[in-house]
Amino acid sequence: MKNIEKVMSSYGVKPVKILKISDRVHKIDDGQHQYSLKKSVLTHQSVKKWEQVFHHAQQHQLSEILSIFVTIKNSFYTISNDEFYYLMPWIDGKTSNIKQLYRSIGKIHQKTRQPQLIDYNQMRNHFTQYGHYCDEVQKKLLTYVKQFESHIYMSPLELQVCTHYRDLELATKKAQELIRQLSSSQAKQKNWDYSLCHGNLRLSHSLIGIDNLYFINWEQVTYNYPATDLFILFKNELINYDAPTKLWIHSFKVYMEENQLQNDELSLLLIYLLDLTTYLKRIQQYIDQISNQSIINQIKKLQIEYRRIKFGLQFAEFISQNYFSKINPDLED
């Protein structure tokens, strides 16, 4: 605890009680106030970008970003034993619900939007290459299935892949369709919007205070397409088999009320969700017998990827029915 006391002295705070919450979080009580001390994963390379979050919060009046205390030397952080620490108010509230999270991150994405001029030829080439990659994915996937079906007795993982095949094929075809739409639309669009993105968005990183929702743990912050933030959110939240996928899908309207994504942005989000790269990597590791994990864990990880892809198909149907057809009927052709 002496190191924690040393860190707190940088803030002029003398703890009377220190409670370890996790390996990286301590609850500090000085007799008058309660604090959350975080041992971060920040580095000398990433800390400047992280500091900008709080400047943006002030500039754009982002009340959803939990403020942090400055040290006696007026710094956002202090370093002890080569570790970066920062101090926040302690929030006793519970984590937010899905609609609350959507609304709050939508506000942040909207308030921090900045148009970025794109290189049309470079982006078009990127989409074209990804379209060719999807062709190869289809061939590789079919090769795997034929190989597994040739076995007299399929292993549980092999049976799992064959069971998934129909949805995986649909996902690849849908991704190719979206790529074609993006490639054709880029001739008309010169700008894509970047926003302040959390970088590790999940329900557990959003807390309900007395009068507001606060996002914490901005250590992986980026300025990027909002679709990337939403993809990471879905990826993080769909790990569990009982994730409320229907609620995540139908509550998305709340996000769109705050930050109306354009067709291209929605298409990009769907492409992220439908990507089979990690799924195929898991299969190849199994075939090459290079995984150091048990077959049970390999099956679990493959199932997690499948849930994300299956979610992508369901989400694509929702987007098509509620947004593509309303914004631009040509996308239904």
C-alpha atoms as a PDB file:
ATOM      1  CA  MET A   1       0.000   0.000   0.000  1.00  0.00           C
ATOM      2  CA  LYS A   2       2.990   2.321   0.379  1.00  0.00           C
ATOM      3  CA  ASN A   3       3.156   2.799  -3.380  1.00  0.00           C
ATOM      4  CA  ILE A   4      -0.545   3.777  -3.433  1.00  0.00           C
ATOM      5  CA  GLU A   5       0.076   6.285  -0.658  1.00  0.00           C
ATOM      6  CA  LYS A   6       3.019   7.666  -2.624  1.00  0.00           C
ATOM      7  CA  VAL A   7       0.855   8.026  -5.746  1.00  0.00           C
ATOM      8  CA  MET A   8      -1.906   9.760  -3.774  1.00  0.00           C
ATOM      9  CA  SER A   9       0.604  12.200  -2.310  1.00  0.00           C
ATOM     10  CA  SER A  10       1.055  13.470  -5.889  1.00  0.00           C
ATOM     11  CA  TYR A  11      -2.517  14.718  -5.602  1.00  0.00           C
ATOM     12  CA  GLY A  12      -2.137  16.113  -2.106  1.00  0.00           C
ATOM     13  CA  VAL A  13      -4.462  13.416  -0.755  1.00  0.00           C
ATOM     14  CA  LYS A  14      -3.709  11.455   2.415  1.00  0.00           C
ATOM     15  CA  PRO A  15      -5.723   8.202   2.421  1.00  0.00           C
ATOM     16  CA  VAL A  16      -7.335   6.964   5.629  1.00  0.00           C
ATOM     17  CA  LYS A  17      -8.687   3.867   3.874  1.00  0.00           C
ATOM     18  CA  ILE A  18      -7.484   1.999   0.781  1.00  0.00           C
ATOM     19  CA  LEU A  19      -9.594  -0.784  -0.713  1.00  0.00           C
ATOM     20  CA  LYS A  20      -8.279  -2.932  -3.555  1.00  0.00           C
ATOM     21  CA  ILE A  21     -11.060  -3.412  -6.126  1.00  0.00           C
ATOM     22  CA  SER A  22      -8.948  -5.146  -8.771  1.00  0.00           C
ATOM     23  CA  ASP A  23      -5.320  -5.401  -9.843  1.00  0.00           C
ATOM     24  CA  ARG A  24      -5.664  -1.984 -11.479  1.00  0.00           C
ATOM     25  CA  VAL A  25      -8.271  -0.134  -9.415  1.00  0.00           C
ATOM     26  CA  HIS A  26      -8.186   1.013  -5.787  1.00  0.00           C
ATOM     27  CA  LYS A  27     -10.926   2.839  -3.912  1.00  0.00           C
ATOM     28  CA  ILE A  28      -9.446   5.638  -1.839  1.00  0.00           C
ATOM     29  CA  ASP A  29     -11.116   7.363   1.105  1.00  0.00           C
ATOM     30  CA  ASP A  30      -9.499  10.414   2.731  1.00  0.00           C
ATOM     31  CA  GLY A  31     -12.247  10.870   5.303  1.00  0.00           C
ATOM     32  CA  GLN A  32     -14.062  13.495   3.253  1.00  0.00           C
ATOM     33  CA  HIS A  33     -14.098  12.237  -0.315  1.00  0.00           C
ATOM     34  CA  GLN A  34     -13.869   8.926  -2.166  1.00  0.00           C
ATOM     35  CA  TYR A  35     -11.713   8.423  -5.227  1.00  0.00           C
ATOM     36  CA  SER A  36     -10.975   5.781  -7.841  1.00  0.00           C
ATOM     37  CA  LEU A  37      -7.255   5.354  -8.505  1.00  0.00           C
ATOM     38  CA  LYS A  38      -6.492   3.596 -11.782  1.00  0.00           C
ATOM     39  CA  LYS A  39      -3.205   1.940 -12.702  1.00  0.00           C
ATOM     40  CA  SER A  40      -3.548   2.326 -16.444  1.00  0.00           C
ATOM     41  CA  VAL A  41      -2.114   0.637 -19.521  1.00  0.00           C
ATOM     42  CA  LEU A  42      -1.013   4.006 -20.883  1.00  0.00           C
ATOM     43  CA  THR A  43       2.469   4.409 -22.328  1.00  0.00           C
ATOM     44  CA  HIS A  44       4.651   7.382 -23.212  1.00  0.00           C
ATOM     45  CA  GLN A  45       3.393   6.930 -26.790  1.00  0.00           C
ATOM     46  CA  SER A  46      -0.339   6.807 -25.991  1.00  0.00           C
ATOM     47  CA  VAL A  47      -0.670   9.200 -23.066  1.00  0.00           C
ATOM     48  CA  LYS A  48      -0.823  12.376 -25.171  1.00  0.00           C
ATOM     49  CA  LYS A  49      -3.800  11.076 -27.147  1.00  0.00           C
ATOM     50  CA  TRP A  50      -5.491  10.082 -23.884  1.00  0.00           C
ATOM     51  CA  GLU A  51      -4.956  13.576 -22.436  1.00  0.00           C
ATOM     52  CA  GLN A  52      -6.715  15.061 -25.454  1.00  0.00           C
ATOM     53  CA  VAL A  53      -9.936  13.309 -24.395  1.00  0.00           C
ATOM     54  CA  PHE A  54     -10.338  15.675 -21.474  1.00  0.00           C
ATOM     55  CA  HIS A  55      -9.543  18.716 -23.571  1.00  0.00           C
ATOM     56  CA  HIS A  56     -12.245  17.575 -26.014  1.00  0.00           C
ATOM     57  CA  ALA A  57     -14.633  17.042 -23.106  1.00  0.00           C
ATOM     58  CA  GLN A  58     -14.188  20.668 -22.088  1.00  0.00           C
ATOM     59  CA  GLN A  59     -14.232  22.031 -25.631  1.00  0.00           C
ATOM     60  CA  HIS A  60     -17.409  20.188 -26.676  1.00  0.00           C
ATOM     61  CA  GLN A  61     -19.061  20.203 -23.234  1.00  0.00           C
ATOM     62  CA  LEU A  62     -19.114  16.409 -23.081  1.00  0.00           C
ATOM     63  CA  SER A  63     -20.615  15.767 -19.678  1.00  0.00           C
ATOM     64  CA  GLU A  64     -20.613  12.028 -20.468  1.00  0.00           C
ATOM     65  CA  ILE A  65     -16.827  11.831 -20.017  1.00  0.00           C
ATOM     66  CA  LEU A  66     -15.954  11.409 -16.359  1.00  0.00           C
ATOM     67  CA  SER A  67     -13.526  14.121 -15.289  1.00  0.00           C
ATOM     68  CA  ILE A  68     -10.197  13.311 -13.665  1.00  0.00           C
ATOM     69  CA  PHE A  69      -8.217  15.124 -10.998  1.00  0.00           C
ATOM     70  CA  VAL A  70      -4.951  16.873 -11.733  1.00  0.00           C
ATOM     71  CA  THR A  71      -1.867  16.400  -9.610  1.00  0.00           C
ATOM     72  CA  ILE A  72      -0.175  19.068  -7.520  1.00  0.00           C
ATOM     73  CA  LYS A  73       1.986  19.696 -10.592  1.00  0.00           C
ATOM     74  CA  ASN A  74      -1.169  20.207 -12.697  1.00  0.00           C
ATOM     75  CA  SER A  75      -0.762  16.939 -14.632  1.00  0.00           C
ATOM     76  CA  PHE A  76      -3.531  14.530 -15.642  1.00  0.00           C
ATOM     77  CA  TYR A  77      -1.439  11.583 -14.448  1.00  0.00           C
ATOM     78  CA  THR A  78       1.478  10.552 -12.320  1.00  0.00           C
ATOM     79  CA  ILE A  79       4.105   7.886 -12.911  1.00  0.00           C
ATOM     80  CA  SER A  80       5.288   5.426 -10.284  1.00  0.00           C
ATOM     81  CA  ASN A  81       7.490   2.391 -10.959  1.00  0.00           C
ATOM     82  CA  ASP A  82       7.073   3.041 -14.698  1.00  0.00           C
ATOM     83  CA  GLU A  83       3.277   2.749 -14.392  1.00  0.00           C
ATOM     84  CA  PHE A  84       0.860   5.549 -15.314  1.00  0.00           C
ATOM     85  CA  TYR A  85      -1.768   6.347 -12.678  1.00  0.00           C
ATOM     86  CA  TYR A  86      -4.739   8.692 -12.809  1.00  0.00           C
ATOM     87  CA  LEU A  87      -7.400   9.671 -10.290  1.00  0.00           C
ATOM     88  CA  MET A  88     -11.176   9.984 -10.760  1.00  0.00           C
ATOM     89  CA  PRO A  89     -14.167  10.578  -8.513  1.00  0.00           C
ATOM     90  CA  TRP A  90     -15.578   7.343  -7.119  1.00  0.00           C
ATOM     91  CA  ILE A  91     -18.961   6.582  -8.734  1.00  0.00           C
ATOM     92  CA  ASP A  92     -21.187   4.251  -6.716  1.00  0.00           C
ATOM     93  CA  GLY A  93     -23.740   3.936  -9.499  1.00  0.00           C
ATOM     94  CA  LYS A  94     -24.450   0.817 -11.527  1.00  0.00           C
ATOM     95  CA  THR A  95     -23.528   0.293 -15.168  1.00  0.00           C
ATOM     96  CA  SER A  96     -25.794   1.793 -17.812  1.00  0.00           C
ATOM     97  CA  ASN A  97     -28.374  -0.083 -19.829  1.00  0.00           C
ATOM     98  CA  ILE A  98     -28.205  -0.505 -23.605  1.00  0.00           C
ATOM     99  CA  LYS A  99     -30.401   2.456 -24.528  1.00  0.00           C
ATOM    100  CA  GLN A 100     -28.578   4.772 -22.153  1.00  0.00           C
ATOM    101  CA  LEU A 101     -25.229   3.745 -23.611  1.00  0.00           C
ATOM    102  CA  TYR A 102     -26.441   4.197 -27.197  1.00  0.00           C
ATOM    103  CA  ARG A 103     -27.793   7.669 -26.467  1.00  0.00           C
ATOM    104  CA  SER A 104     -24.672   8.868 -24.661  1.00  0.00           C
ATOM    105  CA  ILE A 105     -22.076   7.556 -27.099  1.00  0.00           C
ATOM    106  CA  GLY A 106     -24.238   8.850 -29.943  1.00  0.00           C
ATOM    107  CA  LYS A 107     -24.037  12.339 -28.430  1.00  0.00           C
ATOM    108  CA  ILE A 108     -20.249  12.120 -28.160  1.00  0.00           C
ATOM    109  CA  HIS A 109     -19.875  10.900 -31.742  1.00  0.00           C
ATOM    110  CA  GLN A 110     -22.183  13.665 -32.997  1.00  0.00           C
ATOM    111  CA  LYS A 111     -20.606  16.521 -31.043  1.00  0.00           C
ATOM    112  CA  THR A 112     -17.059  15.593 -32.092  1.00  0.00           C
ATOM    113  CA  ARG A 113     -17.714  14.851 -35.776  1.00  0.00           C
ATOM    114  CA  GLN A 114     -15.060  16.211 -38.124  1.00  0.00           C
ATOM    115  CA  PRO A 115     -15.085  15.737 -41.919  1.00  0.00           C
ATOM    116  CA  GLN A 116     -12.004  14.024 -43.324  1.00  0.00           C
ATOM    117  CA  LEU A 117     -11.110  14.284 -46.998  1.00  0.00           C
ATOM    118  CA  ILE A 118     -10.593  10.789 -48.393  1.00  0.00           C
ATOM    119  CA  ASP A 119      -8.422   9.513 -51.215  1.00  0.00           C
ATOM    120  CA  TYR A 120     -11.130   8.107 -53.481  1.00  0.00           C
ATOM    121  CA  ASN A 121      -8.816   5.887 -55.548  1.00  0.00           C
ATOM    122  CA  GLN A 122      -7.092   4.462 -52.481  1.00  0.00           C
ATOM    123  CA  MET A 123     -10.381   3.668 -50.750  1.00  0.00           C
ATOM    124  CA  ARG A 124     -11.891   2.192 -53.905  1.00  0.00           C
ATOM    125  CA  ASN A 125      -8.833  -0.034 -54.345  1.00  0.00           C
ATOM    126  CA  HIS A 126      -9.116  -1.120 -50.729  1.00  0.00           C
ATOM    127  CA  PHE A 127     -12.761  -2.085 -51.216  1.00  0.00           C
ATOM    128  CA  THR A 128     -11.930  -3.902 -54.455  1.00  0.00           C
ATOM    129  CA  GLN A 129      -9.179  -5.900 -52.735  1.00  0.00           C
ATOM    130  CA  TYR A 130     -11.528  -6.810 -49.919  1.00  0.00           C
ATOM    131  CA  GLY A 131     -14.093  -7.976 -52.478  1.00  0.00           C
ATOM    132  CA  HIS A 132     -11.479 -10.312 -53.977  1.00  0.00           C
ATOM    133  CA  TYR A 133     -10.622 -11.474 -50.467  1.00  0.00           C
ATOM    134  CA  CYS A 134     -14.280 -12.397 -49.903  1.00  0.00           C
ATOM    135  CA  ASP A 135     -14.139 -14.555 -53.052  1.00  0.00           C
ATOM    136  CA  GLU A 136     -11.173 -16.415 -51.574  1.00  0.00           C
ATOM    137  CA  VAL A 137     -12.960 -16.757 -48.238  1.00  0.00           C
ATOM    138  CA  GLN A 138     -15.869 -18.515 -49.909  1.00  0.00           C
ATOM    139  CA  LYS A 139     -13.530 -20.972 -51.622  1.00  0.00           C
ATOM    140  CA  LYS A 140     -11.524 -21.641 -48.474  1.00  0.00           C
ATOM    141  CA  LEU A 141     -14.645 -22.141 -46.392  1.00  0.00           C
ATOM    142  CA  LEU A 142     -16.062 -24.643 -48.862  1.00  0.00           C
ATOM    143  CA  THR A 143     -12.731 -26.498 -48.856  1.00  0.00           C
ATOM    144  CA  TYR A 144     -12.856 -26.795 -45.066  1.00  0.00           C
ATOM    145  CA  VAL A 145     -16.411 -28.110 -45.119  1.00  0.00           C
ATOM    146  CA  LYS A 146     -15.648 -30.704 -47.807  1.00  0.00           C
ATOM    147  CA  GLN A 147     -12.569 -31.818 -45.867  1.00  0.00           C
ATOM    148  CA  PHE A 148     -14.534 -32.239 -42.644  1.00  0.00           C
ATOM    149  CA  GLU A 149     -17.473 -33.978 -44.310  1.00  0.00           C
ATOM    150  CA  SER A 150     -15.084 -36.540 -45.813  1.00  0.00           C
ATOM    151  CA  HIS A 151     -14.287 -37.785 -42.316  1.00  0.00           C
ATOM    152  CA  ILE A 152     -16.245 -40.819 -41.162  1.00  0.00           C
ATOM    153  CA  TYR A 153     -16.497 -39.289 -37.711  1.00  0.00           C
ATOM    154  CA  MET A 154     -16.314 -35.516 -37.473  1.00  0.00           C
ATOM    155  CA  SER A 155     -14.901 -33.911 -34.338  1.00  0.00           C
ATOM    156  CA  PRO A 156     -17.181 -31.526 -32.412  1.00  0.00           C
ATOM    157  CA  LEU A 157     -15.374 -28.519 -33.903  1.00  0.00           C
ATOM    158  CA  GLU A 158     -15.645 -29.908 -37.446  1.00  0.00           C
ATOM    159  CA  LEU A 159     -19.352 -30.538 -36.947  1.00  0.00           C
ATOM    160  CA  GLN A 160     -19.669 -27.019 -35.599  1.00  0.00           C
ATOM    161  CA  VAL A 161     -18.140 -25.518 -38.760  1.00  0.00           C
ATOM    162  CA  CYS A 162     -20.412 -27.559 -41.038  1.00  0.00           C
ATOM    163  CA  THR A 163     -23.438 -26.437 -39.012  1.00  0.00           C
ATOM    164  CA  HIS A 164     -22.368 -22.813 -39.349  1.00  0.00           C
ATOM    165  CA  TYR A 165     -21.639 -23.022 -43.079  1.00  0.00           C
ATOM    166  CA  ARG A 166     -24.966 -21.711 -44.393  1.00  0.00           C
ATOM    167  CA  ASP A 167     -24.784 -18.520 -42.309  1.00  0.00           C
ATOM    168  CA  LEU A 168     -21.102 -18.036 -43.100  1.00  0.00           C
ATOM    169  CA  GLU A 169     -21.825 -18.237 -46.812  1.00  0.00           C
ATOM    170  CA  LEU A 170     -24.673 -15.737 -46.437  1.00  0.00           C
ATOM    171  CA  ALA A 171     -22.377 -13.403 -44.481  1.00  0.00           C
ATOM    172  CA  THR A 172     -19.735 -13.447 -47.205  1.00  0.00           C
ATOM    173  CA  LYS A 173     -22.273 -12.779 -49.942  1.00  0.00           C
ATOM    174  CA  LYS A 174     -23.787  -9.925 -47.941  1.00  0.00           C
ATOM    175  CA  ALA A 175     -20.335  -8.426 -47.374  1.00  0.00           C
ATOM    176  CA  GLN A 176     -19.644  -8.565 -51.119  1.00  0.00           C
ATOM    177  CA  GLU A 177     -22.936  -6.813 -51.803  1.00  0.00           C
ATOM    178  CA  LEU A 178     -22.057  -4.058 -49.335  1.00  0.00           C
ATOM    179  CA  ILE A 179     -18.586  -3.695 -50.868  1.00  0.00           C
ATOM    180  CA  ARG A 180     -20.109  -3.147 -54.304  1.00  0.00           C
ATOM    181  CA  GLN A 181     -22.445  -0.490 -52.889  1.00  0.00           C
ATOM    182  CA  LEU A 182     -19.575   1.273 -51.152  1.00  0.00           C
ATOM    183  CA  SER A 183     -17.381   1.204 -54.252  1.00  0.00           C
ATOM    184  CA  SER A 184     -20.084   2.765 -56.414  1.00  0.00           C
ATOM    185  CA  SER A 185     -21.038   5.427 -53.863  1.00  0.00           C
ATOM    186  CA  GLN A 186     -17.470   6.646 -53.303  1.00  0.00           C
ATOM    187  CA  ALA A 187     -17.495   8.435 -56.658  1.00  0.00           C
ATOM    188  CA  LYS A 188     -20.051  10.854 -55.161  1.00  0.00           C
ATOM    189  CA  GLN A 189     -18.588  11.265 -51.669  1.00  0.00           C
ATOM    190  CA  LYS A 190     -15.330  13.061 -50.885  1.00  0.00           C
ATOM    191  CA  ASN A 191     -15.571  13.225 -47.093  1.00  0.00           C
ATOM    192  CA  TRP A 192     -16.015  10.719 -44.292  1.00  0.00           C
ATOM    193  CA  ASP A 193     -16.631  11.893 -40.759  1.00  0.00           C
ATOM    194  CA  TYR A 194     -14.297  11.035 -37.904  1.00  0.00           C
ATOM    195  CA  SER A 195     -15.428  11.226 -34.279  1.00  0.00           C
ATOM    196  CA  LEU A 196     -13.917  10.838 -30.863  1.00  0.00           C
ATOM    197  CA  CYS A 197     -14.064   7.063 -30.283  1.00  0.00           C
ATOM    198  CA  HIS A 198     -13.694   5.335 -26.948  1.00  0.00           C
ATOM    199  CA  GLY A 199     -11.728   2.433 -28.407  1.00  0.00           C
ATOM    200  CA  ASN A 200     -12.861  -0.168 -25.862  1.00  0.00           C
ATOM    201  CA  LEU A 201     -16.571   0.497 -25.548  1.00  0.00           C
ATOM    202  CA  ARG A 202     -18.637  -1.830 -23.359  1.00  0.00           C
ATOM    203  CA  LEU A 203     -21.434  -1.583 -20.809  1.00  0.00           C
ATOM    204  CA  SER A 204     -19.029  -1.986 -17.893  1.00  0.00           C
ATOM    205  CA  HIS A 205     -17.220   1.175 -19.013  1.00  0.00           C
ATOM    206  CA  SER A 206     -20.350   3.300 -18.617  1.00  0.00           C
ATOM    207  CA  LEU A 207     -21.551   4.200 -15.123  1.00  0.00           C
ATOM    208  CA  ILE A 208     -24.712   5.902 -13.935  1.00  0.00           C
ATOM    209  CA  GLY A 209     -23.995   8.723 -11.503  1.00  0.00           C
ATOM    210  CA  ILE A 210     -26.445  10.826  -9.537  1.00  0.00           C
ATOM    211  CA  ASP A 211     -27.418  12.969 -12.516  1.00  0.00           C
ATOM    212  CA  ASN A 212     -25.534  11.653 -15.549  1.00  0.00           C
ATOM    213  CA  LEU A 213     -24.028   8.708 -17.405  1.00  0.00           C
ATOM    214  CA  TYR A 214     -20.233   8.646 -17.456  1.00  0.00           C
ATOM    215  CA  PHE A 215     -17.843   6.778 -19.732  1.00  0.00           C
ATOM    216  CA  ILE A 216     -14.614   5.662 -18.080  1.00  0.00           C
ATOM    217  CA  ASN A 217     -11.378   3.966 -19.241  1.00  0.00           C
ATOM    218  CA  TRP A 218     -10.510   6.085 -22.275  1.00  0.00           C
ATOM    219  CA  GLU A 219      -7.028   4.581 -22.527  1.00  0.00           C
ATOM    220  CA  GLN A 220      -7.547   3.214 -26.067  1.00  0.00           C
ATOM    221  CA  VAL A 221      -9.126   6.398 -27.431  1.00  0.00           C
ATOM    222  CA  THR A 222      -8.893   7.159 -31.156  1.00  0.00           C
ATOM    223  CA  TYR A 223     -10.279   9.618 -33.669  1.00  0.00           C
ATOM    224  CA  ASN A 224     -11.906   7.281 -36.152  1.00  0.00           C
ATOM    225  CA  TYR A 225     -15.104   6.329 -37.944  1.00  0.00           C
ATOM    226  CA  PRO A 226     -17.975   5.936 -35.447  1.00  0.00           C
ATOM    227  CA  ALA A 227     -18.567   2.506 -37.011  1.00  0.00           C
ATOM    228  CA  THR A 228     -15.296   1.280 -35.503  1.00  0.00           C
ATOM    229  CA  ASP A 229     -16.430   2.227 -31.994  1.00  0.00           C
ATOM    230  CA  LEU A 230     -19.780   0.495 -32.496  1.00  0.00           C
ATOM    231  CA  PHE A 231     -18.110  -2.627 -33.882  1.00  0.00           C
ATOM    232  CA  ILE A 232     -15.851  -2.886 -30.821  1.00  0.00           C
ATOM    233  CA  LEU A 233     -18.912  -2.410 -28.602  1.00  0.00           C
ATOM    234  CA  PHE A 234     -20.772  -5.261 -30.292  1.00  0.00           C
ATOM    235  CA  LYS A 235     -17.694  -7.477 -30.296  1.00  0.00           C
ATOM    236  CA  ASN A 236     -17.184  -6.937 -26.561  1.00  0.00           C
ATOM    237  CA  GLU A 237     -20.826  -7.463 -25.634  1.00  0.00           C
ATOM    238  CA  LEU A 238     -21.530 -10.511 -27.820  1.00  0.00           C
ATOM    239  CA  ILE A 239     -18.941 -12.706 -26.090  1.00  0.00           C
ATOM    240  CA  ASN A 240     -21.556 -14.207 -23.785  1.00  0.00           C
ATOM    241  CA  TYR A 241     -23.980 -16.749 -25.210  1.00  0.00           C
ATOM    242  CA  ASP A 242     -26.948 -15.062 -23.503  1.00  0.00           C
ATOM    243  CA  ALA A 243     -26.224 -11.556 -24.818  1.00  0.00           C
ATOM    244  CA  PRO A 244     -29.529  -9.762 -25.560  1.00  0.00           C
ATOM    245  CA  THR A 245     -28.953  -9.501 -29.312  1.00  0.00           C
ATOM    246  CA  LYS A 246     -32.508  -8.428 -30.147  1.00  0.00           C
ATOM    247  CA  LEU A 247     -32.295  -5.585 -27.656  1.00  0.00           C
ATOM    248  CA  TRP A 248     -28.939  -4.446 -29.068  1.00  0.00           C
ATOM    249  CA  ILE A 249     -30.455  -4.443 -32.568  1.00  0.00           C
ATOM    250  CA  HIS A 250     -33.804  -2.783 -31.947  1.00  0.00           C
ATOM    251  CA  SER A 251     -32.421  -0.214 -29.494  1.00  0.00           C
ATOM    252  CA  PHE A 252     -30.013   1.003 -32.176  1.00  0.00           C
ATOM    253  CA  LYS A 253     -32.666   3.526 -33.170  1.00  0.00           C
ATOM    254  CA  VAL A 254     -31.745   5.428 -30.001  1.00  0.00           C
ATOM    255  CA  TYR A 255     -28.157   5.847 -31.265  1.00  0.00           C
ATOM    256  CA  MET A 256     -29.396   6.957 -34.688  1.00  0.00           C
ATOM    257  CA  GLU A 257     -31.578   9.621 -33.060  1.00  0.00           C
ATOM    258  CA  GLU A 258     -28.405  11.195 -31.671  1.00  0.00           C
ATOM    259  CA  ASN A 259     -25.974  10.505 -34.500  1.00  0.00           C
ATOM    260  CA  GLN A 260     -27.557   9.714 -37.860  1.00  0.00           C
ATOM    261  CA  LEU A 261     -25.066   7.532 -39.708  1.00  0.00           C
ATOM    262  CA  GLN A 262     -25.050   7.711 -43.491  1.00  0.00           C
ATOM    263  CA  ASN A 263     -25.475   4.673 -45.738  1.00  0.00           C
ATOM    264  CA  ASP A 264     -21.752   4.247 -46.264  1.00  0.00           C
ATOM    265  CA  GLU A 265     -21.079   4.383 -42.520  1.00  0.00           C
ATOM    266  CA  LEU A 266     -23.752   1.762 -41.860  1.00  0.00           C
ATOM    267  CA  SER A 267     -22.351  -0.424 -44.639  1.00  0.00           C
ATOM    268  CA  LEU A 268     -18.869  -0.195 -43.132  1.00  0.00           C
ATOM    269  CA  LEU A 269     -20.205  -1.255 -39.727  1.00  0.00           C
ATOM    270  CA  LEU A 270     -21.940  -4.258 -41.275  1.00  0.00           C
ATOM    271  CA  ILE A 271     -18.800  -5.283 -43.159  1.00  0.00           C
ATOM    272  CA  TYR A 272     -16.851  -5.248 -39.890  1.00  0.00           C
ATOM    273  CA  LEU A 273     -19.481  -7.459 -38.265  1.00  0.00           C
ATOM    274  CA  LEU A 274     -19.649  -9.909 -41.183  1.00  0.00           C
ATOM    275  CA  ASP A 275     -15.885 -10.341 -41.571  1.00  0.00           C
ATOM    276  CA  LEU A 276     -14.785 -13.997 -41.385  1.00  0.00           C
ATOM    277  CA  THR A 277     -11.045 -13.439 -40.946  1.00  0.00           C
ATOM    278  CA  THR A 278     -10.801 -14.454 -37.276  1.00  0.00           C
ATOM    279  CA  TYR A 279     -13.255 -17.327 -37.743  1.00  0.00           C
ATOM    280  CA  LEU A 280     -11.105 -18.802 -40.530  1.00  0.00           C
ATOM    281  CA  LYS A 281      -7.973 -18.257 -38.463  1.00  0.00           C
ATOM    282  CA  ARG A 282      -9.473 -20.380 -35.676  1.00  0.00           C
ATOM    283  CA  ILE A 283     -10.197 -23.201 -38.126  1.00  0.00           C
ATOM    284  CA  GLN A 284      -6.687 -23.092 -39.589  1.00  0.00           C
ATOM    285  CA  GLN A 285      -5.143 -23.217 -36.123  1.00  0.00           C
ATOM    286  CA  TYR A 286      -7.213 -26.312 -35.420  1.00  0.00           C
ATOM    287  CA  ILE A 287      -6.173 -27.985 -38.678  1.00  0.00           C
ATOM    288  CA  ASP A 288      -2.497 -27.124 -38.192  1.00  0.00           C
ATOM    289  CA  GLN A 289      -2.699 -28.203 -34.537  1.00  0.00           C
ATOM    290  CA  ILE A 290      -0.830 -25.115 -33.419  1.00  0.00           C
ATOM    291  CA  SER A 291      -3.272 -23.964 -30.776  1.00  0.00           C
ATOM    292  CA  ASN A 292      -2.163 -24.498 -27.188  1.00  0.00           C
ATOM    293  CA  GLN A 293      -5.783 -24.485 -26.013  1.00  0.00           C
ATOM    294  CA  SER A 294      -8.058 -27.425 -25.348  1.00  0.00           C
ATOM    295  CA  ILE A 295     -10.589 -28.412 -27.991  1.00  0.00           C
ATOM    296  CA  ILE A 296     -13.341 -27.137 -25.694  1.00  0.00           C
ATOM    297  CA  ASN A 297     -11.796 -23.660 -25.572  1.00  0.00           C
ATOM    298  CA  GLN A 298     -11.233 -23.704 -29.321  1.00  0.00           C
ATOM    299  CA  ILE A 299     -14.913 -24.508 -29.831  1.00  0.00           C
ATOM    300  CA  LYS A 300     -15.928 -21.706 -27.459  1.00  0.00           C
ATOM    301  CA  LYS A 301     -13.807 -19.157 -29.315  1.00  0.00           C
ATOM    302  CA  LEU A 302     -15.154 -20.291 -32.670  1.00  0.00           C
ATOM    303  CA  GLN A 303     -18.693 -19.967 -31.332  1.00  0.00           C
ATOM    304  CA  ILE A 304     -17.995 -16.420 -30.159  1.00  0.00           C
ATOM    305  CA  GLU A 305     -16.946 -15.471 -33.696  1.00  0.00           C
ATOM    306  CA  TYR A 306     -20.020 -17.167 -35.113  1.00  0.00           C
ATOM    307  CA  ARG A 307     -22.302 -15.235 -32.735  1.00  0.00           C
ATOM    308  CA  ARG A 308     -20.796 -11.980 -33.959  1.00  0.00           C
ATOM    309  CA  ILE A 309     -21.276 -12.979 -37.614  1.00  0.00           C
ATOM    310  CA  LYS A 310     -24.825 -14.204 -36.970  1.00  0.00           C
ATOM    311  CA  PHE A 311     -25.538 -10.919 -35.212  1.00  0.00           C
ATOM    312  CA  GLY A 312     -24.167  -9.123 -38.282  1.00  0.00           C
ATOM    313  CA  LEU A 313     -26.696 -10.890 -40.515  1.00  0.00           C
ATOM    314  CA  GLN A 314     -29.578 -10.012 -38.197  1.00  0.00           C
ATOM    315  CA  PHE A 315     -28.351  -6.443 -37.852  1.00  0.00           C
ATOM    316  CA  ALA A 316     -28.011  -6.124 -41.645  1.00  0.00           C
ATOM    317  CA  GLU A 317     -31.654  -7.109 -42.070  1.00  0.00           C
ATOM    318  CA  PHE A 318     -32.695  -4.531 -39.473  1.00  0.00           C
ATOM    319  CA  ILE A 319     -30.634  -1.778 -41.103  1.00  0.00           C
ATOM    320  CA  SER A 320     -31.960  -2.660 -44.548  1.00  0.00           C
ATOM    321  CA  GLN A 321     -35.575  -2.500 -43.395  1.00  0.00           C
ATOM    322  CA  ASN A 322     -35.281   0.630 -41.265  1.00  0.00           C
ATOM    323  CA  TYR A 323     -32.573   2.792 -42.848  1.00  0.00           C
ATOM    324  CA  PHE A 324     -31.279   1.780 -46.267  1.00  0.00           C
ATOM    325  CA  SER A 325     -34.751   1.680 -47.813  1.00  0.00           C
ATOM    326  CA  LYS A 326     -35.710   5.030 -46.257  1.00  0.00           C
ATOM    327  CA  ILE A 327     -32.500   6.915 -46.968  1.00  0.00           C
ATOM    328  CA  ASN A 328     -31.760   5.578 -50.417  1.00  0.00           C
ATOM    329  CA  PRO A 329     -34.110   3.083 -52.102  1.00  0.00           C
ATOM    330  CA  ASP A 330     -31.454   2.339 -54.752  1.00  0.00           C
ATOM    331  CA  LEU A 331     -29.540   0.278 -52.163  1.00  0.00           C
ATOM    332  CA  GLU A 332     -32.352  -2.273 -52.232  1.00  0.00           C
ATOM    333  CA  ASP A 333     -31.809  -3.004 -55.918  1.00  0.00           C
END
